[in-house]
Amino acid sequence: MNVQVTARHNRKISDETVKFIEAEIEDLEKFYEKITSAQVVLDKQEHKSGSEDIVEIIVNIDKNQLVGKSNAENMRKAFDDAKEKVVKQLKKHDEIRKKHNGEPLRDAVEKI
């Protein structure tokens, strides 16, 4: 799977952070094995009351894109929340795909 990690607004990302994110994204394949690529975008937004980290995860599967986006006080919390949103979508997509395929024909014939 191709994983791309980018940062907006001249935000610096350490190599350790990039490796951590890539490993976490690679783990998504246990929920759906046909992930073709993923993009993680890190951003920081400044407010009068402080700053907020924004993480957006875009996962390409089959002919679809799944997106998880989250805001939090720190990057790790925002990443975990965005990843959880993508995991839910992957599980739902996999479940729909399995239901669509249905049971094998020989099993259906045996019930008759």
Protein backbone atom coordinates (compact mmCIF):
# COMPACT_ATOMS: atom_id res chain seq x y z
CA MET A 1 0.00 0.00 0.00
CA ASN A 2 1.22 3.48 -0.83
CA VAL A 3 1.08 5.82 2.20
CA GLN A 4 1.70 9.54 1.82
CA VAL A 5 2.09 11.83 4.84
CA THR A 6 2.00 15.57 4.26
CA ALA A 7 1.80 18.70 6.40
CA ARG A 8 0.18 22.02 5.61
CA HIS A 9 1.35 25.52 6.44
CA ASN A 10 5.07 24.70 6.73
CA ARG A 11 4.48 22.37 9.63
CA LYS A 12 7.48 20.17 10.37
CA ILE A 13 7.03 16.43 10.87
CA SER A 14 9.74 14.27 12.42
CA ASP A 15 10.82 11.03 10.76
CA GLU A 16 9.63 9.14 13.85
CA THR A 17 6.15 10.62 13.47
CA VAL A 18 6.03 9.71 9.78
CA LYS A 19 7.11 6.12 10.55
CA PHE A 20 4.50 5.86 13.31
CA ILE A 21 1.73 7.13 11.02
CA GLU A 22 2.77 4.81 8.18
CA ALA A 23 2.74 1.80 10.53
CA GLU A 24 -0.70 2.72 11.88
CA ILE A 25 -2.09 3.15 8.37
CA GLU A 26 -0.59 -0.20 7.28
CA ASP A 27 -2.51 -1.80 10.19
CA LEU A 28 -5.77 -0.75 8.51
CA GLU A 29 -5.32 -3.66 6.10
CA LYS A 30 -6.47 -6.06 8.81
CA PHE A 31 -9.94 -4.48 8.51
CA TYR A 32 -10.02 -4.44 4.69
CA GLU A 33 -7.30 -6.06 2.61
CA LYS A 34 -7.88 -4.20 -0.68
CA ILE A 35 -6.62 -0.75 0.34
CA THR A 36 -4.68 0.69 -2.59
CA SER A 37 -3.34 3.90 -1.06
CA ALA A 38 -3.72 6.31 1.81
CA GLN A 39 -2.94 9.95 2.42
CA VAL A 40 -2.57 11.58 5.83
CA VAL A 41 -2.68 15.38 6.03
CA LEU A 42 -1.55 17.12 9.22
CA ASP A 43 -2.51 20.72 9.86
CA LYS A 44 -2.56 23.18 12.73
CA GLN A 45 -5.12 25.92 13.15
CA GLU A 46 -4.54 28.91 15.38
CA HIS A 47 -7.41 30.40 17.38
CA LYS A 48 -7.57 33.23 19.88
CA SER A 49 -7.96 30.64 22.62
CA GLY A 50 -5.00 28.53 21.41
CA SER A 51 -4.10 26.12 18.66
CA GLU A 52 -5.78 22.98 17.41
CA ASP A 53 -4.31 20.06 15.46
CA ILE A 54 -6.26 18.74 12.48
CA VAL A 55 -5.68 15.30 10.95
CA GLU A 56 -7.35 14.08 7.77
CA ILE A 57 -6.95 10.47 6.59
CA ILE A 58 -7.99 9.61 3.04
CA VAL A 59 -8.04 5.90 2.15
CA ASN A 60 -8.57 4.64 -1.40
CA ILE A 61 -10.26 1.25 -1.74
CA ASP A 62 -11.63 -0.34 -4.89
CA LYS A 63 -13.22 2.66 -6.62
CA ASN A 64 -14.10 4.51 -3.41
CA GLN A 65 -12.50 6.98 -1.04
CA LEU A 66 -13.03 6.90 2.70
CA VAL A 67 -12.25 10.03 4.71
CA GLY A 68 -11.75 10.49 8.43
CA LYS A 69 -11.09 13.97 9.79
CA SER A 70 -10.66 15.09 13.37
CA ASN A 71 -9.62 18.12 15.44
CA ALA A 72 -8.02 17.91 18.88
CA GLU A 73 -5.62 19.61 21.28
CA ASN A 74 -2.74 17.40 20.14
CA MET A 75 -1.81 15.56 16.98
CA ARG A 76 -1.92 12.08 18.53
CA LYS A 77 -5.51 12.48 19.77
CA ALA A 78 -6.63 13.91 16.42
CA PHE A 79 -4.91 11.07 14.54
CA ASP A 80 -6.47 8.39 16.75
CA ASP A 81 -9.96 9.89 16.30
CA ALA A 82 -9.56 10.19 12.51
CA LYS A 83 -8.22 6.63 12.29
CA GLU A 84 -11.18 5.31 14.30
CA LYS A 85 -13.57 7.00 11.85
CA VAL A 86 -11.81 5.31 8.93
CA VAL A 87 -11.84 1.93 10.71
CA LYS A 88 -15.62 2.16 11.16
CA GLN A 89 -16.04 2.93 7.46
CA LEU A 90 -13.73 0.07 6.45
CA LYS A 91 -15.64 -2.41 8.61
CA LYS A 92 -18.95 -1.24 7.19
CA HIS A 93 -17.64 -1.44 3.61
CA ASP A 94 -16.30 -4.95 4.19
CA GLU A 95 -19.59 -6.06 5.75
CA ILE A 96 -21.60 -4.70 2.82
CA ARG A 97 -19.26 -6.38 0.35
CA LYS A 98 -19.62 -9.73 2.13
CA LYS A 99 -23.42 -9.45 2.26
CA HIS A 100 -23.53 -8.50 -1.41
CA ASN A 101 -21.60 -11.63 -2.35
CA GLY A 102 -24.07 -13.72 -0.35
CA GLU A 103 -23.75 -17.37 0.48
CA PRO A 104 -22.28 -19.83 -2.01
CA LEU A 105 -24.77 -21.31 -4.47
CA ARG A 106 -24.15 -24.89 -3.32
CA ASP A 107 -25.14 -23.92 0.26
CA ALA A 108 -28.34 -22.29 -0.98
CA VAL A 109 -29.24 -25.36 -3.07
CA GLU A 110 -28.67 -27.71 -0.13
CA LYS A 111 -31.26 -25.83 1.94
CA ILE A 112 -33.98 -26.49 -0.65
